[in-house]
Each structure stands twice: as structure tokens, then as C-alpha cells.
Amino acid sequence: MSEISHGIGEGPATRFSVLLPEGTARAVRERVGKRQLSAFIAEAVERELRGRILDEYLADCEQRNGSVSLEVSEPRQGC
């Protein structure tokens, strides 16, 4: 039997227990309410993961091709 691999934001929900500072938990509850708490946290975690993946990609690209300029220019081959 093969194991199914789900990407970020895909697949069935899995129970996952986390601890948050009280102030953060209160702010989230006030902003989204109890019914949307899980969805809010899932979306925040997905954004963080995608951001870290992008950071890793850019660091690898810079290591292979030199630093990325902040100026708009023609894309480099391979990045």
C-alpha cells in the first residue's frame, strides 16, 4: 500500500495541539472568533512555511549565482 503525500494546505485535517502565549491567543480569538480559529492558524502556518521555502530557494539561488539585486532586471538563467 503506497503512502499518499499531501502538499502544504492539502489533505484531510489532522488534530494538532499547540501552545500560544495568552495575549496571542486572545488576539486571535477576538479577531476571528472560536469557529474560525483552526482555519486562521492553518492559514498562518501555511504562509510561514511558504515564506521559509521561498527564503531557502532564494538563498540557494544566491549561493549559485551571486546576490540578487533589488533593481528590476532581466531574470537570470536558472532562477
C-alpha atoms as a PDB file:
ATOM      1  CA  MET A   1       0.000   0.000   0.000  1.00  0.00           C
ATOM      2  CA  SER A   2       1.505   3.354  -1.020  1.00  0.00           C
ATOM      3  CA  GLU A   3       1.509   6.331   1.324  1.00  0.00           C
ATOM      4  CA  ILE A   4      -0.147   9.488  -0.033  1.00  0.00           C
ATOM      5  CA  SER A   5       1.946  12.642   0.293  1.00  0.00           C
ATOM      6  CA  HIS A   6      -0.021  15.885   0.631  1.00  0.00           C
ATOM      7  CA  GLY A   7       1.382  19.314  -0.139  1.00  0.00           C
ATOM      8  CA  ILE A   8       1.068  22.394   2.059  1.00  0.00           C
ATOM      9  CA  GLY A   9      -2.614  23.182   2.574  1.00  0.00           C
ATOM     10  CA  GLU A  10      -3.788  19.842   1.145  1.00  0.00           C
ATOM     11  CA  GLY A  11      -5.226  16.664   2.614  1.00  0.00           C
ATOM     12  CA  PRO A  12      -7.576  15.886   5.466  1.00  0.00           C
ATOM     13  CA  ALA A  13      -7.423  17.849   8.704  1.00  0.00           C
ATOM     14  CA  THR A  14      -5.235  16.392  11.443  1.00  0.00           C
ATOM     15  CA  ARG A  15      -5.590  17.219  15.126  1.00  0.00           C
ATOM     16  CA  PHE A  16      -2.504  19.119  16.256  1.00  0.00           C
ATOM     17  CA  SER A  17      -2.090  20.647  19.695  1.00  0.00           C
ATOM     18  CA  VAL A  18      -0.120  23.894  20.075  1.00  0.00           C
ATOM     19  CA  LEU A  19       0.528  26.277  22.925  1.00  0.00           C
ATOM     20  CA  LEU A  20       0.297  30.036  22.331  1.00  0.00           C
ATOM     21  CA  PRO A  21       1.072  32.943  24.618  1.00  0.00           C
ATOM     22  CA  GLU A  22      -2.179  34.097  26.261  1.00  0.00           C
ATOM     23  CA  GLY A  23      -2.035  37.525  24.622  1.00  0.00           C
ATOM     24  CA  THR A  24      -1.635  35.987  21.172  1.00  0.00           C
ATOM     25  CA  ALA A  25      -4.453  33.502  21.780  1.00  0.00           C
ATOM     26  CA  ARG A  26      -6.764  36.277  22.984  1.00  0.00           C
ATOM     27  CA  ALA A  27      -5.956  38.485  19.997  1.00  0.00           C
ATOM     28  CA  VAL A  28      -6.676  35.642  17.565  1.00  0.00           C
ATOM     29  CA  ARG A  29      -9.977  34.777  19.274  1.00  0.00           C
ATOM     30  CA  GLU A  30     -11.034  38.434  19.232  1.00  0.00           C
ATOM     31  CA  ARG A  31     -10.134  38.796  15.563  1.00  0.00           C
ATOM     32  CA  VAL A  32     -11.638  35.591  14.123  1.00  0.00           C
ATOM     33  CA  GLY A  33     -13.817  34.050  16.836  1.00  0.00           C
ATOM     34  CA  LYS A  34     -13.808  30.458  18.074  1.00  0.00           C
ATOM     35  CA  ARG A  35     -15.360  28.960  14.946  1.00  0.00           C
ATOM     36  CA  GLN A  36     -12.610  30.219  12.624  1.00  0.00           C
ATOM     37  CA  LEU A  37      -9.655  29.687  14.970  1.00  0.00           C
ATOM     38  CA  SER A  38      -8.360  26.497  13.304  1.00  0.00           C
ATOM     39  CA  ALA A  39      -8.661  27.933   9.799  1.00  0.00           C
ATOM     40  CA  PHE A  40      -6.839  31.114  10.845  1.00  0.00           C
ATOM     41  CA  ILE A  41      -3.963  29.185  12.420  1.00  0.00           C
ATOM     42  CA  ALA A  42      -3.726  26.783   9.448  1.00  0.00           C
ATOM     43  CA  GLU A  43      -3.519  29.714   7.009  1.00  0.00           C
ATOM     44  CA  ALA A  44      -0.872  31.451   9.129  1.00  0.00           C
ATOM     45  CA  VAL A  45       1.253  28.295   9.323  1.00  0.00           C
ATOM     46  CA  GLU A  46       0.905  27.721   5.569  1.00  0.00           C
ATOM     47  CA  ARG A  47       2.054  31.314   4.846  1.00  0.00           C
ATOM     48  CA  GLU A  48       5.043  30.871   7.170  1.00  0.00           C
ATOM     49  CA  LEU A  49       6.028  27.574   5.547  1.00  0.00           C
ATOM     50  CA  ARG A  50       5.755  29.007   2.035  1.00  0.00           C
ATOM     51  CA  GLY A  51       7.807  32.035   3.096  1.00  0.00           C
ATOM     52  CA  ARG A  52      10.547  29.839   4.534  1.00  0.00           C
ATOM     53  CA  ILE A  53      10.595  27.675   1.406  1.00  0.00           C
ATOM     54  CA  LEU A  54      10.951  30.825  -0.711  1.00  0.00           C
ATOM     55  CA  ASP A  55      13.759  32.109   1.550  1.00  0.00           C
ATOM     56  CA  GLU A  56      15.598  28.788   1.148  1.00  0.00           C
ATOM     57  CA  TYR A  57      15.139  28.891  -2.625  1.00  0.00           C
ATOM     58  CA  LEU A  58      16.460  32.455  -2.847  1.00  0.00           C
ATOM     59  CA  ALA A  59      19.437  31.652  -0.604  1.00  0.00           C
ATOM     60  CA  ASP A  60      20.286  28.674  -2.816  1.00  0.00           C
ATOM     61  CA  CYS A  61      19.896  30.796  -5.934  1.00  0.00           C
ATOM     62  CA  GLU A  62      22.188  33.486  -4.500  1.00  0.00           C
ATOM     63  CA  GLN A  63      24.759  30.883  -3.483  1.00  0.00           C
ATOM     64  CA  ARG A  64      24.853  29.503  -7.027  1.00  0.00           C
ATOM     65  CA  ASN A  65      24.524  32.776  -8.977  1.00  0.00           C
ATOM     66  CA  GLY A  66      25.556  35.647  -6.715  1.00  0.00           C
ATOM     67  CA  SER A  67      23.423  38.092  -4.793  1.00  0.00           C
ATOM     68  CA  VAL A  68      20.023  39.074  -6.077  1.00  0.00           C
ATOM     69  CA  SER A  69      19.780  42.752  -6.990  1.00  0.00           C
ATOM     70  CA  LEU A  70      16.883  44.784  -5.655  1.00  0.00           C
ATOM     71  CA  GLU A  71      16.666  46.520  -9.031  1.00  0.00           C
ATOM     72  CA  VAL A  72      14.266  45.219 -11.632  1.00  0.00           C
ATOM     73  CA  SER A  73      16.307  43.500 -14.304  1.00  0.00           C
ATOM     74  CA  GLU A  74      16.202  40.622 -16.741  1.00  0.00           C
ATOM     75  CA  PRO A  75      15.809  37.262 -14.971  1.00  0.00           C
ATOM     76  CA  ARG A  76      18.937  35.174 -14.682  1.00  0.00           C
ATOM     77  CA  GLN A  77      19.083  31.766 -16.272  1.00  0.00           C
ATOM     78  CA  GLY A  78      18.118  29.028 -13.766  1.00  0.00           C
ATOM     79  CA  CYS A  79      16.408  31.189 -11.107  1.00  0.00           C
END
